[in-house]
N, C-alpha and C. Protein backbone atom coordinates (compact mmCIF):
# COMPACT_ATOMS: atom_id res chain seq x y z
N GLU A 1 7.70 -2.20 17.35
CA GLU A 1 8.54 -3.21 16.72
C GLU A 1 9.98 -3.06 17.23
N VAL A 2 10.53 -4.15 17.70
CA VAL A 2 11.91 -4.15 18.17
C VAL A 2 12.86 -4.23 16.99
N GLN A 3 13.86 -3.35 17.02
CA GLN A 3 14.88 -3.38 15.98
C GLN A 3 16.26 -3.22 16.61
N LEU A 4 17.22 -3.99 16.12
CA LEU A 4 18.63 -3.85 16.48
C LEU A 4 19.40 -3.84 15.16
N VAL A 5 20.16 -2.79 14.95
CA VAL A 5 20.87 -2.63 13.68
C VAL A 5 22.36 -2.45 13.98
N GLU A 6 23.14 -3.44 13.59
CA GLU A 6 24.59 -3.36 13.76
C GLU A 6 25.23 -2.67 12.56
N SER A 7 26.34 -2.02 12.82
CA SER A 7 27.12 -1.40 11.76
C SER A 7 28.57 -1.31 12.22
N GLY A 8 29.45 -1.01 11.27
CA GLY A 8 30.84 -0.78 11.61
C GLY A 8 31.79 -1.90 11.24
N GLY A 9 31.25 -3.01 10.77
CA GLY A 9 32.13 -4.10 10.36
C GLY A 9 32.88 -3.75 9.08
N GLY A 10 33.80 -4.64 8.73
CA GLY A 10 34.56 -4.41 7.51
C GLY A 10 35.80 -5.28 7.45
N LEU A 11 36.66 -4.91 6.53
CA LEU A 11 37.92 -5.62 6.29
C LEU A 11 39.05 -4.82 6.93
N VAL A 12 39.86 -5.50 7.74
CA VAL A 12 40.94 -4.81 8.43
C VAL A 12 42.15 -5.72 8.51
N GLN A 13 43.33 -5.12 8.56
CA GLN A 13 44.56 -5.90 8.69
C GLN A 13 44.79 -6.30 10.14
N PRO A 14 45.53 -7.37 10.36
CA PRO A 14 45.88 -7.74 11.74
C PRO A 14 46.53 -6.58 12.47
N GLY A 15 46.13 -6.40 13.72
CA GLY A 15 46.60 -5.29 14.52
C GLY A 15 45.75 -4.04 14.40
N GLY A 16 44.82 -4.05 13.48
CA GLY A 16 43.96 -2.90 13.27
C GLY A 16 42.81 -2.84 14.25
N SER A 17 41.97 -1.82 14.07
CA SER A 17 40.84 -1.58 14.97
C SER A 17 39.56 -1.35 14.19
N LEU A 18 38.47 -1.68 14.82
CA LEU A 18 37.14 -1.36 14.31
C LEU A 18 36.25 -1.04 15.50
N ARG A 19 35.23 -0.24 15.23
CA ARG A 19 34.23 0.05 16.27
C ARG A 19 32.87 -0.33 15.72
N LEU A 20 32.27 -1.31 16.37
CA LEU A 20 30.93 -1.74 16.00
C LEU A 20 29.89 -0.95 16.79
N SER A 21 28.77 -0.69 16.14
CA SER A 21 27.64 -0.03 16.79
C SER A 21 26.40 -0.90 16.64
N CYS A 22 25.54 -0.83 17.60
CA CYS A 22 24.25 -1.52 17.55
C CYS A 22 23.21 -0.53 18.05
N THR A 23 22.44 -0.01 17.13
CA THR A 23 21.41 0.96 17.46
C THR A 23 20.08 0.25 17.59
N THR A 24 19.38 0.54 18.68
CA THR A 24 18.18 -0.23 18.99
C THR A 24 16.95 0.66 19.08
N SER A 25 15.79 0.03 19.00
CA SER A 25 14.53 0.71 19.21
C SER A 25 13.47 -0.34 19.54
N GLY A 26 12.38 0.13 20.15
CA GLY A 26 11.25 -0.75 20.41
C GLY A 26 11.24 -1.44 21.75
N PHE A 27 12.25 -1.17 22.59
CA PHE A 27 12.24 -1.70 23.95
C PHE A 27 13.00 -0.72 24.84
N THR A 28 12.91 -0.93 26.15
CA THR A 28 13.52 -0.01 27.10
C THR A 28 15.00 -0.32 27.22
N PHE A 29 15.77 0.31 26.37
CA PHE A 29 17.19 0.00 26.26
C PHE A 29 17.92 0.26 27.57
N SER A 30 17.62 1.36 28.22
CA SER A 30 18.40 1.77 29.39
C SER A 30 18.34 0.77 30.53
N SER A 31 17.32 -0.05 30.58
CA SER A 31 17.19 -1.04 31.66
C SER A 31 17.51 -2.45 31.18
N THR A 32 18.10 -2.54 30.02
CA THR A 32 18.36 -3.85 29.40
C THR A 32 19.86 -4.12 29.30
N ALA A 33 20.30 -5.23 29.84
CA ALA A 33 21.67 -5.66 29.64
C ALA A 33 21.82 -6.13 28.19
N MET A 34 22.94 -5.78 27.61
CA MET A 34 23.17 -6.10 26.20
C MET A 34 24.44 -6.93 26.04
N ILE A 35 24.46 -7.73 25.00
CA ILE A 35 25.62 -8.57 24.75
C ILE A 35 26.07 -8.44 23.30
N TRP A 36 27.31 -8.79 23.07
CA TRP A 36 27.84 -9.01 21.73
C TRP A 36 28.28 -10.48 21.66
N VAL A 37 27.93 -11.11 20.56
CA VAL A 37 28.39 -12.46 20.28
C VAL A 37 28.89 -12.48 18.84
N ARG A 38 29.59 -13.53 18.50
CA ARG A 38 30.07 -13.67 17.13
C ARG A 38 29.98 -15.12 16.69
N GLN A 39 29.99 -15.30 15.39
CA GLN A 39 29.97 -16.64 14.83
C GLN A 39 30.91 -16.70 13.65
N ALA A 40 31.95 -17.48 13.79
CA ALA A 40 32.88 -17.69 12.70
C ALA A 40 32.33 -18.76 11.77
N PRO A 41 32.78 -18.78 10.53
CA PRO A 41 32.27 -19.77 9.58
C PRO A 41 32.46 -21.19 10.10
N GLY A 42 31.37 -21.96 10.09
CA GLY A 42 31.44 -23.35 10.50
C GLY A 42 31.53 -23.58 11.99
N LYS A 43 31.39 -22.51 12.78
CA LYS A 43 31.50 -22.64 14.24
C LYS A 43 30.24 -22.14 14.92
N GLY A 44 30.13 -22.42 16.21
CA GLY A 44 28.98 -21.98 16.98
C GLY A 44 29.13 -20.55 17.45
N LEU A 45 28.12 -20.10 18.17
CA LEU A 45 28.15 -18.75 18.71
C LEU A 45 29.20 -18.64 19.82
N ASP A 46 29.90 -17.54 19.82
CA ASP A 46 30.97 -17.27 20.79
C ASP A 46 30.61 -15.98 21.52
N TRP A 47 30.37 -16.05 22.83
CA TRP A 47 30.06 -14.86 23.60
C TRP A 47 31.31 -13.99 23.71
N ILE A 48 31.12 -12.69 23.46
CA ILE A 48 32.24 -11.76 23.50
C ILE A 48 32.18 -10.89 24.73
N SER A 49 31.03 -10.24 24.94
CA SER A 49 30.97 -9.24 25.99
C SER A 49 29.54 -8.95 26.40
N THR A 50 29.41 -8.48 27.64
CA THR A 50 28.12 -8.08 28.19
C THR A 50 28.28 -6.74 28.89
N ILE A 51 27.24 -5.91 28.80
CA ILE A 51 27.22 -4.68 29.57
C ILE A 51 25.85 -4.54 30.22
N ALA A 52 25.86 -4.33 31.54
CA ALA A 52 24.64 -4.11 32.30
C ALA A 52 24.84 -2.82 33.09
N ARG A 53 24.13 -1.79 32.68
CA ARG A 53 24.39 -0.45 33.22
C ARG A 53 25.86 -0.14 33.07
N THR A 54 26.64 -0.13 34.14
CA THR A 54 28.07 0.18 34.01
C THR A 54 28.95 -1.05 34.17
N ARG A 55 28.39 -2.16 34.52
CA ARG A 55 29.19 -3.37 34.70
C ARG A 55 29.41 -4.05 33.37
N THR A 56 30.61 -4.56 33.17
CA THR A 56 30.95 -5.21 31.92
C THR A 56 31.62 -6.56 32.18
N GLY A 57 31.57 -7.40 31.17
CA GLY A 57 32.26 -8.68 31.23
C GLY A 57 32.74 -9.04 29.84
N TYR A 58 33.83 -9.82 29.77
CA TYR A 58 34.43 -10.17 28.49
C TYR A 58 34.83 -11.63 28.46
N GLY A 59 34.75 -12.20 27.27
CA GLY A 59 35.30 -13.53 27.07
C GLY A 59 36.81 -13.49 27.08
N ASP A 60 37.42 -14.61 27.43
CA ASP A 60 38.87 -14.66 27.54
C ASP A 60 39.57 -14.33 26.23
N SER A 61 38.96 -14.67 25.12
CA SER A 61 39.62 -14.48 23.83
C SER A 61 39.72 -13.01 23.42
N VAL A 62 38.93 -12.14 24.06
CA VAL A 62 38.94 -10.73 23.67
C VAL A 62 39.32 -9.80 24.81
N LYS A 63 39.48 -10.35 26.01
CA LYS A 63 39.76 -9.53 27.17
C LYS A 63 41.06 -8.74 26.96
N GLY A 64 41.00 -7.45 27.25
CA GLY A 64 42.18 -6.59 27.06
C GLY A 64 42.29 -5.99 25.68
N ARG A 65 41.50 -6.50 24.74
CA ARG A 65 41.55 -5.97 23.37
C ARG A 65 40.25 -5.28 22.97
N PHE A 66 39.14 -5.78 23.47
CA PHE A 66 37.82 -5.24 23.12
C PHE A 66 37.24 -4.50 24.31
N THR A 67 36.46 -3.46 24.02
CA THR A 67 35.80 -2.68 25.06
C THR A 67 34.34 -2.45 24.67
N ILE A 68 33.44 -2.83 25.55
CA ILE A 68 32.02 -2.59 25.32
C ILE A 68 31.60 -1.33 26.05
N SER A 69 30.68 -0.59 25.45
CA SER A 69 30.15 0.61 26.09
C SER A 69 28.72 0.82 25.59
N ARG A 70 28.05 1.76 26.21
CA ARG A 70 26.68 2.02 25.81
C ARG A 70 26.35 3.49 25.96
N ASP A 71 25.40 3.92 25.16
CA ASP A 71 24.87 5.27 25.22
C ASP A 71 23.37 5.12 25.41
N ASP A 72 22.90 5.27 26.63
CA ASP A 72 21.48 5.06 26.90
C ASP A 72 20.61 6.14 26.28
N ASP A 73 21.16 7.33 26.10
CA ASP A 73 20.37 8.38 25.44
C ASP A 73 20.16 8.06 23.97
N GLY A 74 21.15 7.43 23.36
CA GLY A 74 21.05 7.09 21.95
C GLY A 74 20.63 5.65 21.68
N ASN A 75 20.32 4.92 22.77
CA ASN A 75 19.88 3.53 22.63
C ASN A 75 20.86 2.69 21.81
N THR A 76 22.13 2.90 22.06
CA THR A 76 23.16 2.24 21.25
C THR A 76 24.20 1.58 22.15
N VAL A 77 24.63 0.41 21.74
CA VAL A 77 25.74 -0.28 22.40
C VAL A 77 26.88 -0.39 21.39
N TYR A 78 28.09 -0.23 21.90
CA TYR A 78 29.26 -0.22 21.04
C TYR A 78 30.21 -1.35 21.42
N LEU A 79 31.05 -1.70 20.46
CA LEU A 79 32.15 -2.63 20.73
C LEU A 79 33.39 -2.09 20.03
N GLN A 80 34.31 -1.57 20.82
CA GLN A 80 35.59 -1.12 20.30
C GLN A 80 36.53 -2.31 20.26
N MET A 81 37.04 -2.61 19.08
CA MET A 81 37.89 -3.78 18.90
C MET A 81 39.28 -3.32 18.45
N ASN A 82 40.25 -3.58 19.29
CA ASN A 82 41.63 -3.22 18.99
C ASN A 82 42.49 -4.47 18.84
N ASP A 83 43.65 -4.30 18.23
CA ASP A 83 44.59 -5.41 18.05
C ASP A 83 43.89 -6.63 17.45
N LEU A 84 43.17 -6.40 16.39
CA LEU A 84 42.41 -7.48 15.77
C LEU A 84 43.32 -8.54 15.19
N ARG A 85 42.83 -9.77 15.27
CA ARG A 85 43.59 -10.94 14.81
C ARG A 85 42.78 -11.70 13.78
N PRO A 86 43.42 -12.49 12.95
CA PRO A 86 42.64 -13.27 11.96
C PRO A 86 41.56 -14.13 12.61
N GLU A 87 41.80 -14.63 13.80
CA GLU A 87 40.80 -15.47 14.47
C GLU A 87 39.59 -14.67 14.98
N ASP A 88 39.65 -13.35 14.87
CA ASP A 88 38.48 -12.53 15.19
C ASP A 88 37.50 -12.44 14.02
N THR A 89 37.88 -12.98 12.89
CA THR A 89 37.00 -12.96 11.72
C THR A 89 35.72 -13.72 12.02
N ALA A 90 34.60 -13.04 11.86
CA ALA A 90 33.30 -13.63 12.19
C ALA A 90 32.19 -12.65 11.85
N GLU A 91 30.98 -13.15 11.92
CA GLU A 91 29.80 -12.28 11.89
C GLU A 91 29.54 -11.89 13.34
N TYR A 92 29.36 -10.60 13.58
CA TYR A 92 29.16 -10.09 14.94
C TYR A 92 27.71 -9.65 15.11
N TYR A 93 27.14 -10.08 16.22
CA TYR A 93 25.74 -9.78 16.52
C TYR A 93 25.61 -9.12 17.89
N CYS A 94 24.68 -8.19 17.99
CA CYS A 94 24.27 -7.71 19.31
C CYS A 94 22.92 -8.32 19.63
N ALA A 95 22.66 -8.43 20.91
CA ALA A 95 21.39 -8.98 21.38
C ALA A 95 21.14 -8.50 22.80
N ASN A 96 19.90 -8.62 23.24
CA ASN A 96 19.64 -8.34 24.65
C ASN A 96 20.04 -9.55 25.46
N TRP A 97 20.23 -9.36 26.77
CA TRP A 97 20.73 -10.43 27.63
C TRP A 97 19.86 -11.67 27.57
N ALA A 98 18.56 -11.49 27.45
CA ALA A 98 17.64 -12.64 27.42
C ALA A 98 17.61 -13.32 26.06
N LEU A 99 18.33 -12.75 25.09
CA LEU A 99 18.43 -13.31 23.74
C LEU A 99 17.08 -13.32 23.01
N ASP A 100 16.21 -12.40 23.42
CA ASP A 100 14.93 -12.27 22.72
C ASP A 100 15.08 -11.49 21.43
N TYR A 101 15.98 -10.52 21.46
CA TYR A 101 16.12 -9.59 20.34
C TYR A 101 17.53 -9.69 19.77
N TRP A 102 17.61 -9.76 18.44
CA TRP A 102 18.88 -9.91 17.75
C TRP A 102 18.97 -8.92 16.59
N GLY A 103 20.18 -8.49 16.33
CA GLY A 103 20.42 -7.73 15.12
C GLY A 103 20.68 -8.68 13.96
N GLN A 104 20.90 -8.07 12.79
CA GLN A 104 21.12 -8.86 11.58
C GLN A 104 22.57 -9.27 11.41
N GLY A 105 23.45 -8.67 12.19
CA GLY A 105 24.86 -9.01 12.13
C GLY A 105 25.66 -8.07 11.25
N THR A 106 26.94 -7.98 11.55
CA THR A 106 27.88 -7.22 10.72
C THR A 106 29.17 -8.04 10.61
N GLN A 107 29.69 -8.12 9.42
CA GLN A 107 30.84 -9.00 9.16
C GLN A 107 32.14 -8.27 9.47
N VAL A 108 33.00 -8.96 10.19
CA VAL A 108 34.35 -8.48 10.46
C VAL A 108 35.33 -9.49 9.86
N THR A 109 36.21 -9.01 9.01
CA THR A 109 37.21 -9.86 8.39
C THR A 109 38.59 -9.28 8.67
N VAL A 110 39.44 -10.08 9.28
CA VAL A 110 40.79 -9.64 9.62
C VAL A 110 41.76 -10.47 8.79
N THR A 111 42.43 -9.81 7.87
CA THR A 111 43.33 -10.51 6.98
C THR A 111 44.40 -9.56 6.45
N SER A 112 45.56 -10.11 6.16
CA SER A 112 46.62 -9.30 5.57
C SER A 112 46.60 -9.42 4.05
């Protein structure tokens, strides 16, 4: 059974930081490109970042503030989020590149 479990979301003030984790099981994580996406209330999905082995990519809205990484031994992908802004408020999801597997999401709220 494939499982993706996100954690690390929460309430933070503007300028603060959070680190999201997505722990996976049930598929060959080490050979799978992974992505983070988010969905703000009333809006569509917004691609944030992708990691394939050591190569990474970022959406323009988070470039320079967010960093994606992975631990293949622990089957986990991370998203370090710095300099958070109110517009980063959203439900954050991890998924595999093919979008076959999704986590349940973790809420990030940035407010003063």
